[in-house]
Every structure is written in structure tokens, then in C-alpha cells.
Amino acid sequence: MQRLDRILTSTARSWRSIHKPAYPRAQHWVSTRRYSSESSYSQNKSTNTEPKPVSPHIAFYMSFGKPIATVLAITGATYVGLYFLKQKLQNDEDKLQGSKGTNL
């Protein structure tokens, strides 16, 4: 019983060490950091706030990329499934033909 208690205690200790944040104060420091509006970055930034135009090619794939990938994935899975079904049915037919030929 003592051995089991030692194992469970060491497991719990290792579990806590895995899920403990490495730098708990660093996260607090980053979240409360204040940025100056007069930094060198904001001065170098252009005053033109218009977004960069997106090419039609990129816009097409941004709109239709996921549906196209989904259709291709479903098509591929269907093809592979039907291929293996055909192979299984053909093997069953060959076995049936073979057993009929030996009985004659």
C-alpha cells in the first residue's frame, strides 16, 4: 500500500510540474505592459491606412479554398472505399468460382 501511495504521489507531482507555467510573472508583465503612442514604430508607419489590394487569384482561394478541399477529400475517400469494395467483391466471386469448379 505504501508503494502505491508513493507511485501516486510521484505521478501527481510530475503532472503538476508539466502543467505549471514556466514563467508565471512574465505572462502578467506582458498583459499589463503599456505601449507609448509616440514610439519610433508609430512614427515610421505611413499615414495611408488603405488596405493593400488583394489579387483576384488569392481572393478566389480565400473564398473557395476550404469547400474545394472538402469536396476533393470526400471524393478521394469515396474512390478508395469503392476500390476496396470492388476488390473484396471480386475476391469473393473468385473464391465462389473456384469452389464451384472443384465440385464438378
PDB file of N, CA and C in Angstrom:
ATOM      1  N   MET A   1       0.816  -1.190   0.000  1.00  0.00           N
ATOM      2  CA  MET A   1       0.000   0.000   0.000  1.00  0.00           C
ATOM      3  C   MET A   1       0.862   1.258   0.000  1.00  0.00           C
ATOM      4  N   GLN A   2       1.965   1.225   0.748  1.00  0.00           N
ATOM      5  CA  GLN A   2       2.848   2.382   0.783  1.00  0.00           C
ATOM      6  C   GLN A   2       3.488   2.617  -0.582  1.00  0.00           C
ATOM      7  N   ARG A   3       3.795   1.533  -1.258  1.00  0.00           N
ATOM      8  CA  ARG A   3       4.410   1.657  -2.587  1.00  0.00           C
ATOM      9  C   ARG A   3       3.432   2.323  -3.553  1.00  0.00           C
ATOM     10  N   LEU A   4       2.171   1.927  -3.492  1.00  0.00           N
ATOM     11  CA  LEU A   4       1.156   2.530  -4.338  1.00  0.00           C
ATOM     12  C   LEU A   4       1.006   4.014  -4.020  1.00  0.00           C
ATOM     13  N   ASP A   5       1.016   4.373  -2.745  1.00  0.00           N
ATOM     14  CA  ASP A   5       0.933   5.777  -2.357  1.00  0.00           C
ATOM     15  C   ASP A   5       2.111   6.567  -2.908  1.00  0.00           C
ATOM     16  N   ARG A   6       3.318   5.983  -2.848  1.00  0.00           N
ATOM     17  CA  ARG A   6       4.500   6.674  -3.395  1.00  0.00           C
ATOM     18  C   ARG A   6       4.377   6.872  -4.896  1.00  0.00           C
ATOM     19  N   ILE A   7       3.882   5.861  -5.596  1.00  0.00           N
ATOM     20  CA  ILE A   7       3.724   5.970  -7.048  1.00  0.00           C
ATOM     21  C   ILE A   7       2.716   7.052  -7.387  1.00  0.00           C
ATOM     22  N   LEU A   8       1.570   7.046  -6.708  1.00  0.00           N
ATOM     23  CA  LEU A   8       0.546   8.055  -6.983  1.00  0.00           C
ATOM     24  C   LEU A   8       1.033   9.455  -6.646  1.00  0.00           C
ATOM     25  N   THR A   9       1.781   9.597  -5.562  1.00  0.00           N
ATOM     26  CA  THR A   9       2.296  10.908  -5.175  1.00  0.00           C
ATOM     27  C   THR A   9       3.301  11.415  -6.198  1.00  0.00           C
ATOM     28  N   SER A  10       4.197  10.541  -6.654  1.00  0.00           N
ATOM     29  CA  SER A  10       5.190  10.976  -7.634  1.00  0.00           C
ATOM     30  C   SER A  10       4.524  11.301  -8.963  1.00  0.00           C
ATOM     31  N   THR A  11       3.483  10.563  -9.314  1.00  0.00           N
ATOM     32  CA  THR A  11       2.759  10.842 -10.552  1.00  0.00           C
ATOM     33  C   THR A  11       2.067  12.200 -10.457  1.00  0.00           C
ATOM     34  N   ALA A  12       1.450  12.478  -9.319  1.00  0.00           N
ATOM     35  CA  ALA A  12       0.778  13.762  -9.153  1.00  0.00           C
ATOM     36  C   ALA A  12       1.779  14.907  -9.192  1.00  0.00           C
ATOM     37  N   ARG A  13       2.958  14.698  -8.581  1.00  0.00           N
ATOM     38  CA  ARG A  13       3.985  15.738  -8.616  1.00  0.00           C
ATOM     39  C   ARG A  13       4.446  16.006 -10.039  1.00  0.00           C
ATOM     40  N   SER A  14       4.676  14.944 -10.809  1.00  0.00           N
ATOM     41  CA  SER A  14       5.135  15.134 -12.178  1.00  0.00           C
ATOM     42  C   SER A  14       4.042  15.780 -13.020  1.00  0.00           C
ATOM     43  N   TRP A  15       2.782  15.430 -12.777  1.00  0.00           N
ATOM     44  CA  TRP A  15       1.674  16.035 -13.505  1.00  0.00           C
ATOM     45  C   TRP A  15       1.601  17.538 -13.237  1.00  0.00           C
ATOM     46  N   ARG A  16       1.792  17.930 -11.968  1.00  0.00           N
ATOM     47  CA  ARG A  16       1.779  19.354 -11.639  1.00  0.00           C
ATOM     48  C   ARG A  16       2.921  20.090 -12.294  1.00  0.00           C
ATOM     49  N   SER A  17       4.093  19.460 -12.369  1.00  0.00           N
ATOM     50  CA  SER A  17       5.236  20.142 -12.975  1.00  0.00           C
ATOM     51  C   SER A  17       5.044  20.323 -14.471  1.00  0.00           C
ATOM     52  N   ILE A  18       4.302  19.427 -15.096  1.00  0.00           N
ATOM     53  CA  ILE A  18       4.049  19.563 -16.528  1.00  0.00           C
ATOM     54  C   ILE A  18       3.118  20.740 -16.787  1.00  0.00           C
ATOM     55  N   HIS A  19       2.094  20.900 -15.970  1.00  0.00           N
ATOM     56  CA  HIS A  19       1.075  21.905 -16.225  1.00  0.00           C
ATOM     57  C   HIS A  19       1.304  23.218 -15.497  1.00  0.00           C
ATOM     58  N   LYS A  20       2.418  23.361 -14.818  1.00  0.00           N
ATOM     59  CA  LYS A  20       2.710  24.609 -14.144  1.00  0.00           C
ATOM     60  C   LYS A  20       3.334  25.565 -15.166  1.00  0.00           C
ATOM     61  N   PRO A  21       2.887  26.808 -15.234  1.00  0.00           N
ATOM     62  CA  PRO A  21       3.508  27.734 -16.183  1.00  0.00           C
ATOM     63  C   PRO A  21       4.968  27.976 -15.819  1.00  0.00           C
ATOM     64  N   ALA A  22       5.810  28.027 -16.843  1.00  0.00           N
ATOM     65  CA  ALA A  22       7.239  28.171 -16.606  1.00  0.00           C
ATOM     66  C   ALA A  22       7.565  29.543 -16.011  1.00  0.00           C
ATOM     67  N   TYR A  23       6.935  30.580 -16.521  1.00  0.00           N
ATOM     68  CA  TYR A  23       7.209  31.939 -16.059  1.00  0.00           C
ATOM     69  C   TYR A  23       5.884  32.620 -15.742  1.00  0.00           C
ATOM     70  N   PRO A  24       5.324  32.398 -14.573  1.00  0.00           N
ATOM     71  CA  PRO A  24       4.004  32.965 -14.290  1.00  0.00           C
ATOM     72  C   PRO A  24       4.009  34.486 -14.242  1.00  0.00           C
ATOM     73  N   ARG A  25       5.113  35.084 -13.845  1.00  0.00           N
ATOM     74  CA  ARG A  25       5.141  36.551 -13.766  1.00  0.00           C
ATOM     75  C   ARG A  25       5.304  37.168 -15.132  1.00  0.00           C
ATOM     76  N   ALA A  26       5.943  36.472 -16.071  1.00  0.00           N
ATOM     77  CA  ALA A  26       6.152  37.019 -17.412  1.00  0.00           C
ATOM     78  C   ALA A  26       4.824  37.242 -18.112  1.00  0.00           C
ATOM     79  N   GLN A  27       3.891  36.336 -17.940  1.00  0.00           N
ATOM     80  CA  GLN A  27       2.589  36.475 -18.566  1.00  0.00           C
ATOM     81  C   GLN A  27       1.880  37.718 -18.024  1.00  0.00           C
ATOM     82  N   HIS A  28       1.974  37.961 -16.727  1.00  0.00           N
ATOM     83  CA  HIS A  28       1.375  39.131 -16.133  1.00  0.00           C
ATOM     84  C   HIS A  28       2.035  40.401 -16.659  1.00  0.00           C
ATOM     85  N   TRP A  29       3.364  40.363 -16.785  1.00  0.00           N
ATOM     86  CA  TRP A  29       4.097  41.531 -17.265  1.00  0.00           C
ATOM     87  C   TRP A  29       3.692  41.889 -18.685  1.00  0.00           C
ATOM     88  N   VAL A  30       3.529  40.891 -19.549  1.00  0.00           N
ATOM     89  CA  VAL A  30       3.162  41.149 -20.935  1.00  0.00           C
ATOM     90  C   VAL A  30       1.749  41.708 -21.015  1.00  0.00           C
ATOM     91  N   SER A  31       0.836  41.172 -20.241  1.00  0.00           N
ATOM     92  CA  SER A  31      -0.551  41.601 -20.350  1.00  0.00           C
ATOM     93  C   SER A  31      -0.765  43.008 -19.791  1.00  0.00           C
ATOM     94  N   THR A  32       0.076  43.474 -18.867  1.00  0.00           N
ATOM     95  CA  THR A  32      -0.124  44.804 -18.293  1.00  0.00           C
ATOM     96  C   THR A  32       0.822  45.836 -18.895  1.00  0.00           C
ATOM     97  N   ARG A  33       1.607  45.452 -19.862  1.00  0.00           N
ATOM     98  CA  ARG A  33       2.549  46.389 -20.454  1.00  0.00           C
ATOM     99  C   ARG A  33       1.808  47.465 -21.225  1.00  0.00           C
ATOM    100  N   ARG A  34       2.258  48.683 -21.088  1.00  0.00           N
ATOM    101  CA  ARG A  34       1.624  49.794 -21.787  1.00  0.00           C
ATOM    102  C   ARG A  34       2.541  50.269 -22.904  1.00  0.00           C
ATOM    103  N   TYR A  35       1.942  50.556 -24.011  1.00  0.00           N
ATOM    104  CA  TYR A  35       2.715  50.990 -25.175  1.00  0.00           C
ATOM    105  C   TYR A  35       2.553  52.489 -25.352  1.00  0.00           C
ATOM    106  N   SER A  36       3.641  53.140 -25.666  1.00  0.00           N
ATOM    107  CA  SER A  36       3.608  54.577 -25.889  1.00  0.00           C
ATOM    108  C   SER A  36       3.121  54.848 -27.309  1.00  0.00           C
ATOM    109  N   SER A  37       2.283  55.845 -27.470  1.00  0.00           N
ATOM    110  CA  SER A  37       1.794  56.185 -28.805  1.00  0.00           C
ATOM    111  C   SER A  37       2.862  56.945 -29.600  1.00  0.00           C
ATOM    112  N   GLU A  38       3.909  57.366 -28.930  1.00  0.00           N
ATOM    113  CA  GLU A  38       4.958  58.114 -29.610  1.00  0.00           C
ATOM    114  C   GLU A  38       6.201  57.268 -29.833  1.00  0.00           C
ATOM    115  N   SER A  39       6.027  55.993 -30.067  1.00  0.00           N
ATOM    116  CA  SER A  39       7.185  55.135 -30.299  1.00  0.00           C
ATOM    117  C   SER A  39       7.718  55.349 -31.709  1.00  0.00           C
ATOM    118  N   SER A  40       8.910  54.859 -31.944  1.00  0.00           N
ATOM    119  CA  SER A  40       9.527  55.035 -33.259  1.00  0.00           C
ATOM    120  C   SER A  40       8.766  54.257 -34.318  1.00  0.00           C
ATOM    121  N   TYR A  41       8.122  53.164 -33.915  1.00  0.00           N
ATOM    122  CA  TYR A  41       7.358  52.369 -34.869  1.00  0.00           C
ATOM    123  C   TYR A  41       6.186  53.167 -35.408  1.00  0.00           C
ATOM    124  N   SER A  42       5.443  53.838 -34.533  1.00  0.00           N
ATOM    125  CA  SER A  42       4.270  54.574 -34.988  1.00  0.00           C
ATOM    126  C   SER A  42       4.667  55.790 -35.823  1.00  0.00           C
ATOM    127  N   GLN A  43       5.858  56.351 -35.620  1.00  0.00           N
ATOM    128  CA  GLN A  43       6.301  57.476 -36.426  1.00  0.00           C
ATOM    129  C   GLN A  43       6.713  57.026 -37.819  1.00  0.00           C
ATOM    130  N   ASN A  44       7.268  55.827 -37.931  1.00  0.00           N
ATOM    131  CA  ASN A  44       7.694  55.327 -39.227  1.00  0.00           C
ATOM    132  C   ASN A  44       6.535  54.774 -40.044  1.00  0.00           C
ATOM    133  N   LYS A  45       5.441  54.540 -39.428  1.00  0.00           N
ATOM    134  CA  LYS A  45       4.285  53.983 -40.102  1.00  0.00           C
ATOM    135  C   LYS A  45       3.699  55.022 -41.057  1.00  0.00           C
ATOM    136  N   SER A  46       3.313  54.568 -42.228  1.00  0.00           N
ATOM    137  CA  SER A  46       2.757  55.518 -43.189  1.00  0.00           C
ATOM    138  C   SER A  46       1.372  55.963 -42.727  1.00  0.00           C
ATOM    139  N   THR A  47       0.985  57.138 -43.130  1.00  0.00           N
ATOM    140  CA  THR A  47      -0.314  57.676 -42.729  1.00  0.00           C
ATOM    141  C   THR A  47      -1.433  57.133 -43.600  1.00  0.00           C
ATOM    142  N   ASN A  48      -1.086  56.482 -44.708  1.00  0.00           N
ATOM    143  CA  ASN A  48      -2.090  55.901 -45.580  1.00  0.00           C
ATOM    144  C   ASN A  48      -2.609  54.616 -44.943  1.00  0.00           C
ATOM    145  N   THR A  49      -3.881  54.594 -44.557  1.00  0.00           N
ATOM    146  CA  THR A  49      -4.434  53.427 -43.874  1.00  0.00           C
ATOM    147  C   THR A  49      -5.231  52.524 -44.803  1.00  0.00           C
ATOM    148  N   GLU A  50      -5.167  52.750 -46.112  1.00  0.00           N
ATOM    149  CA  GLU A  50      -5.887  51.895 -47.048  1.00  0.00           C
ATOM    150  C   GLU A  50      -5.252  50.511 -47.063  1.00  0.00           C
ATOM    151  N   PRO A  51      -6.073  49.466 -47.045  1.00  0.00           N
ATOM    152  CA  PRO A  51      -5.505  48.116 -47.091  1.00  0.00           C
ATOM    153  C   PRO A  51      -4.911  47.820 -48.466  1.00  0.00           C
ATOM    154  N   LYS A  52      -3.911  46.967 -48.466  1.00  0.00           N
ATOM    155  CA  LYS A  52      -3.272  46.572 -49.705  1.00  0.00           C
ATOM    156  C   LYS A  52      -4.267  45.758 -50.529  1.00  0.00           C
ATOM    157  N   PRO A  53      -4.418  46.036 -51.828  1.00  0.00           N
ATOM    158  CA  PRO A  53      -5.391  45.283 -52.629  1.00  0.00           C
ATOM    159  C   PRO A  53      -4.976  43.812 -52.748  1.00  0.00           C
ATOM    160  N   VAL A  54      -5.970  42.944 -52.680  1.00  0.00           N
ATOM    161  CA  VAL A  54      -5.730  41.511 -52.770  1.00  0.00           C
ATOM    162  C   VAL A  54      -5.932  41.083 -54.220  1.00  0.00           C
ATOM    163  N   SER A  55      -5.008  40.253 -54.710  1.00  0.00           N
ATOM    164  CA  SER A  55      -5.125  39.805 -56.099  1.00  0.00           C
ATOM    165  C   SER A  55      -6.349  38.903 -56.248  1.00  0.00           C
ATOM    166  N   PRO A  56      -6.924  38.858 -57.434  1.00  0.00           N
ATOM    167  CA  PRO A  56      -8.107  38.022 -57.657  1.00  0.00           C
ATOM    168  C   PRO A  56      -7.828  36.537 -57.408  1.00  0.00           C
ATOM    169  N   HIS A  57      -6.613  36.100 -57.717  1.00  0.00           N
ATOM    170  CA  HIS A  57      -6.240  34.703 -57.507  1.00  0.00           C
ATOM    171  C   HIS A  57      -6.301  34.355 -56.022  1.00  0.00           C
ATOM    172  N   ILE A  58      -5.731  35.197 -55.191  1.00  0.00           N
ATOM    173  CA  ILE A  58      -5.743  34.966 -53.746  1.00  0.00           C
ATOM    174  C   ILE A  58      -7.165  35.074 -53.207  1.00  0.00           C
ATOM    175  N   ALA A  59      -7.923  36.031 -53.692  1.00  0.00           N
ATOM    176  CA  ALA A  59      -9.300  36.208 -53.224  1.00  0.00           C
ATOM    177  C   ALA A  59     -10.152  34.988 -53.538  1.00  0.00           C
ATOM    178  N   PHE A  60      -9.938  34.373 -54.718  1.00  0.00           N
ATOM    179  CA  PHE A  60     -10.701  33.185 -55.082  1.00  0.00           C
ATOM    180  C   PHE A  60     -10.436  32.052 -54.102  1.00  0.00           C
ATOM    181  N   TYR A  61      -9.155  31.791 -53.812  1.00  0.00           N
ATOM    182  CA  TYR A  61      -8.829  30.687 -52.912  1.00  0.00           C
ATOM    183  C   TYR A  61      -9.167  30.997 -51.457  1.00  0.00           C
ATOM    184  N   MET A  62      -9.190  32.278 -51.094  1.00  0.00           N
ATOM    185  CA  MET A  62      -9.636  32.625 -49.748  1.00  0.00           C
ATOM    186  C   MET A  62     -11.125  32.320 -49.596  1.00  0.00           C
ATOM    187  N   SER A  63     -11.888  32.515 -50.658  1.00  0.00           N
ATOM    188  CA  SER A  63     -13.329  32.270 -50.617  1.00  0.00           C
ATOM    189  C   SER A  63     -13.682  30.802 -50.801  1.00  0.00           C
ATOM    190  N   PHE A  64     -13.024  30.151 -51.769  1.00  0.00           N
ATOM    191  CA  PHE A  64     -13.443  28.813 -52.160  1.00  0.00           C
ATOM    192  C   PHE A  64     -12.431  27.723 -51.851  1.00  0.00           C
ATOM    193  N   GLY A  65     -11.354  28.032 -51.166  1.00  0.00           N
ATOM    194  CA  GLY A  65     -10.322  27.038 -50.881  1.00  0.00           C
ATOM    195  C   GLY A  65     -10.811  25.908 -49.995  1.00  0.00           C
ATOM    196  N   LYS A  66     -11.487  26.234 -48.915  1.00  0.00           N
ATOM    197  CA  LYS A  66     -11.959  25.206 -47.985  1.00  0.00           C
ATOM    198  C   LYS A  66     -13.033  24.320 -48.611  1.00  0.00           C
ATOM    199  N   PRO A  67     -14.030  24.872 -49.314  1.00  0.00           N
ATOM    200  CA  PRO A  67     -15.020  23.992 -49.957  1.00  0.00           C
ATOM    201  C   PRO A  67     -14.396  23.084 -51.019  1.00  0.00           C
ATOM    202  N   ILE A  68     -13.439  23.593 -51.774  1.00  0.00           N
ATOM    203  CA  ILE A  68     -12.783  22.773 -52.795  1.00  0.00           C
ATOM    204  C   ILE A  68     -12.008  21.642 -52.128  1.00  0.00           C
ATOM    205  N   ALA A  69     -11.290  21.942 -51.064  1.00  0.00           N
ATOM    206  CA  ALA A  69     -10.529  20.911 -50.348  1.00  0.00           C
ATOM    207  C   ALA A  69     -11.466  19.864 -49.748  1.00  0.00           C
ATOM    208  N   THR A  70     -12.617  20.291 -49.245  1.00  0.00           N
ATOM    209  CA  THR A  70     -13.587  19.357 -48.670  1.00  0.00           C
ATOM    210  C   THR A  70     -14.125  18.411 -49.740  1.00  0.00           C
ATOM    211  N   VAL A  71     -14.477  18.958 -50.886  1.00  0.00           N
ATOM    212  CA  VAL A  71     -15.001  18.129 -51.975  1.00  0.00           C
ATOM    213  C   VAL A  71     -13.936  17.147 -52.450  1.00  0.00           C
ATOM    214  N   LEU A  72     -12.698  17.592 -52.579  1.00  0.00           N
ATOM    215  CA  LEU A  72     -11.627  16.695 -53.007  1.00  0.00           C
ATOM    216  C   LEU A  72     -11.379  15.592 -51.979  1.00  0.00           C
ATOM    217  N   ALA A  73     -11.446  15.917 -50.700  1.00  0.00           N
ATOM    218  CA  ALA A  73     -11.241  14.908 -49.662  1.00  0.00           C
ATOM    219  C   ALA A  73     -12.357  13.868 -49.675  1.00  0.00           C
ATOM    220  N   ILE A  74     -13.602  14.316 -49.817  1.00  0.00           N
ATOM    221  CA  ILE A  74     -14.729  13.382 -49.868  1.00  0.00           C
ATOM    222  C   ILE A  74     -14.637  12.517 -51.121  1.00  0.00           C
ATOM    223  N   THR A  75     -14.267  13.119 -52.248  1.00  0.00           N
ATOM    224  CA  THR A  75     -14.125  12.369 -53.493  1.00  0.00           C
ATOM    225  C   THR A  75     -13.045  11.305 -53.364  1.00  0.00           C
ATOM    226  N   GLY A  76     -11.912  11.670 -52.789  1.00  0.00           N
ATOM    227  CA  GLY A  76     -10.827  10.706 -52.614  1.00  0.00           C
ATOM    228  C   GLY A  76     -11.215   9.568 -51.696  1.00  0.00           C
ATOM    229  N   ALA A  77     -11.886   9.880 -50.594  1.00  0.00           N
ATOM    230  CA  ALA A  77     -12.312   8.847 -49.657  1.00  0.00           C
ATOM    231  C   ALA A  77     -13.334   7.910 -50.314  1.00  0.00           C
ATOM    232  N   THR A  78     -14.238   8.459 -51.109  1.00  0.00           N
ATOM    233  CA  THR A  78     -15.229   7.645 -51.808  1.00  0.00           C
ATOM    234  C   THR A  78     -14.557   6.721 -52.810  1.00  0.00           C
ATOM    235  N   TYR A  79     -13.586   7.249 -53.552  1.00  0.00           N
ATOM    236  CA  TYR A  79     -12.870   6.445 -54.535  1.00  0.00           C
ATOM    237  C   TYR A  79     -12.153   5.275 -53.866  1.00  0.00           C
ATOM    238  N   VAL A  80     -11.445   5.548 -52.786  1.00  0.00           N
ATOM    239  CA  VAL A  80     -10.709   4.489 -52.089  1.00  0.00           C
ATOM    240  C   VAL A  80     -11.671   3.458 -51.514  1.00  0.00           C
ATOM    241  N   GLY A  81     -12.764   3.907 -50.943  1.00  0.00           N
ATOM    242  CA  GLY A  81     -13.757   2.984 -50.396  1.00  0.00           C
ATOM    243  C   GLY A  81     -14.363   2.088 -51.459  1.00  0.00           C
ATOM    244  N   LEU A  82     -14.735   2.669 -52.597  1.00  0.00           N
ATOM    245  CA  LEU A  82     -15.298   1.871 -53.681  1.00  0.00           C
ATOM    246  C   LEU A  82     -14.266   0.918 -54.277  1.00  0.00           C
ATOM    247  N   TYR A  83     -13.026   1.342 -54.335  1.00  0.00           N
ATOM    248  CA  TYR A  83     -11.969   0.481 -54.862  1.00  0.00           C
ATOM    249  C   TYR A  83     -11.814  -0.769 -53.992  1.00  0.00           C
ATOM    250  N   PHE A  84     -11.751  -0.581 -52.662  1.00  0.00           N
ATOM    251  CA  PHE A  84     -11.614  -1.731 -51.770  1.00  0.00           C
ATOM    252  C   PHE A  84     -12.872  -2.599 -51.780  1.00  0.00           C
ATOM    253  N   LEU A  85     -14.044  -2.004 -51.931  1.00  0.00           N
ATOM    254  CA  LEU A  85     -15.272  -2.777 -52.045  1.00  0.00           C
ATOM    255  C   LEU A  85     -15.240  -3.640 -53.307  1.00  0.00           C
ATOM    256  N   LYS A  86     -14.796  -3.071 -54.415  1.00  0.00           N
ATOM    257  CA  LYS A  86     -14.682  -3.814 -55.668  1.00  0.00           C
ATOM    258  C   LYS A  86     -13.710  -4.982 -55.512  1.00  0.00           C
ATOM    259  N   GLN A  87     -12.575  -4.740 -54.865  1.00  0.00           N
ATOM    260  CA  GLN A  87     -11.587  -5.805 -54.665  1.00  0.00           C
ATOM    261  C   GLN A  87     -12.172  -6.932 -53.808  1.00  0.00           C
ATOM    262  N   LYS A  88     -12.880  -6.562 -52.749  1.00  0.00           N
ATOM    263  CA  LYS A  88     -13.476  -7.582 -51.878  1.00  0.00           C
ATOM    264  C   LYS A  88     -14.504  -8.399 -52.635  1.00  0.00           C
ATOM    265  N   LEU A  89     -15.386  -7.741 -53.394  1.00  0.00           N
ATOM    266  CA  LEU A  89     -16.404  -8.463 -54.145  1.00  0.00           C
ATOM    267  C   LEU A  89     -15.772  -9.365 -55.202  1.00  0.00           C
ATOM    268  N   GLN A  90     -14.718  -8.887 -55.831  1.00  0.00           N
ATOM    269  CA  GLN A  90     -14.044  -9.688 -56.846  1.00  0.00           C
ATOM    270  C   GLN A  90     -13.375 -10.913 -56.209  1.00  0.00           C
ATOM    271  N   ASN A  91     -12.766 -10.739 -55.038  1.00  0.00           N
ATOM    272  CA  ASN A  91     -12.161 -11.876 -54.337  1.00  0.00           C
ATOM    273  C   ASN A  91     -13.223 -12.892 -53.926  1.00  0.00           C
ATOM    274  N   ASP A  92     -14.360 -12.400 -53.432  1.00  0.00           N
ATOM    275  CA  ASP A  92     -15.450 -13.308 -53.065  1.00  0.00           C
ATOM    276  C   ASP A  92     -15.952 -14.074 -54.278  1.00  0.00           C
ATOM    277  N   GLU A  93     -16.071 -13.394 -55.417  1.00  0.00           N
ATOM    278  CA  GLU A  93     -16.527 -14.053 -56.642  1.00  0.00           C
ATOM    279  C   GLU A  93     -15.516 -15.099 -57.114  1.00  0.00           C
ATOM    280  N   ASP A  94     -14.224 -14.776 -57.034  1.00  0.00           N
ATOM    281  CA  ASP A  94     -13.190 -15.726 -57.434  1.00  0.00           C
ATOM    282  C   ASP A  94     -13.215 -16.961 -56.532  1.00  0.00           C
ATOM    283  N   LYS A  95     -13.412 -16.751 -55.230  1.00  0.00           N
ATOM    284  CA  LYS A  95     -13.497 -17.892 -54.309  1.00  0.00           C
ATOM    285  C   LYS A  95     -14.708 -18.759 -54.636  1.00  0.00           C
ATOM    286  N   LEU A  96     -15.834 -18.107 -54.948  1.00  0.00           N
ATOM    287  CA  LEU A  96     -17.050 -18.830 -55.287  1.00  0.00           C
ATOM    288  C   LEU A  96     -16.868 -19.618 -56.581  1.00  0.00           C
ATOM    289  N   GLN A  97     -16.264 -18.996 -57.582  1.00  0.00           N
ATOM    290  CA  GLN A  97     -15.996 -19.669 -58.856  1.00  0.00           C
ATOM    291  C   GLN A  97     -15.040 -20.835 -58.646  1.00  0.00           C
ATOM    292  N   GLY A  98     -14.023 -20.642 -57.789  1.00  0.00           N
ATOM    293  CA  GLY A  98     -13.070 -21.707 -57.518  1.00  0.00           C
ATOM    294  C   GLY A  98     -13.707 -22.884 -56.829  1.00  0.00           C
ATOM    295  N   SER A  99     -14.598 -22.628 -55.896  1.00  0.00           N
ATOM    296  CA  SER A  99     -15.240 -23.736 -55.171  1.00  0.00           C
ATOM    297  C   SER A  99     -16.230 -24.471 -56.086  1.00  0.00           C
ATOM    298  N   LYS A 100     -16.866 -23.798 -57.019  1.00  0.00           N
ATOM    299  CA  LYS A 100     -17.755 -24.450 -57.952  1.00  0.00           C
ATOM    300  C   LYS A 100     -16.982 -25.340 -58.927  1.00  0.00           C
ATOM    301  N   GLY A 101     -15.802 -24.883 -59.332  1.00  0.00           N
ATOM    302  CA  GLY A 101     -15.007 -25.646 -60.278  1.00  0.00           C
ATOM    303  C   GLY A 101     -14.472 -26.944 -59.679  1.00  0.00           C
ATOM    304  N   THR A 102     -14.180 -26.973 -58.413  1.00  0.00           N
ATOM    305  CA  THR A 102     -13.645 -28.202 -57.785  1.00  0.00           C
ATOM    306  C   THR A 102     -14.726 -29.222 -57.539  1.00  0.00           C
ATOM    307  N   ASN A 103     -15.989 -28.798 -57.403  1.00  0.00           N
ATOM    308  CA  ASN A 103     -17.070 -29.734 -57.138  1.00  0.00           C
ATOM    309  C   ASN A 103     -17.544 -30.450 -58.393  1.00  0.00           C
ATOM    310  N   LEU A 104     -17.238 -29.930 -59.565  1.00  0.00           N
ATOM    311  CA  LEU A 104     -17.722 -30.566 -60.796  1.00  0.00           C
ATOM    312  C   LEU A 104     -16.937 -31.754 -61.068  1.00  0.00           C
TER     313      LEU A 104
END
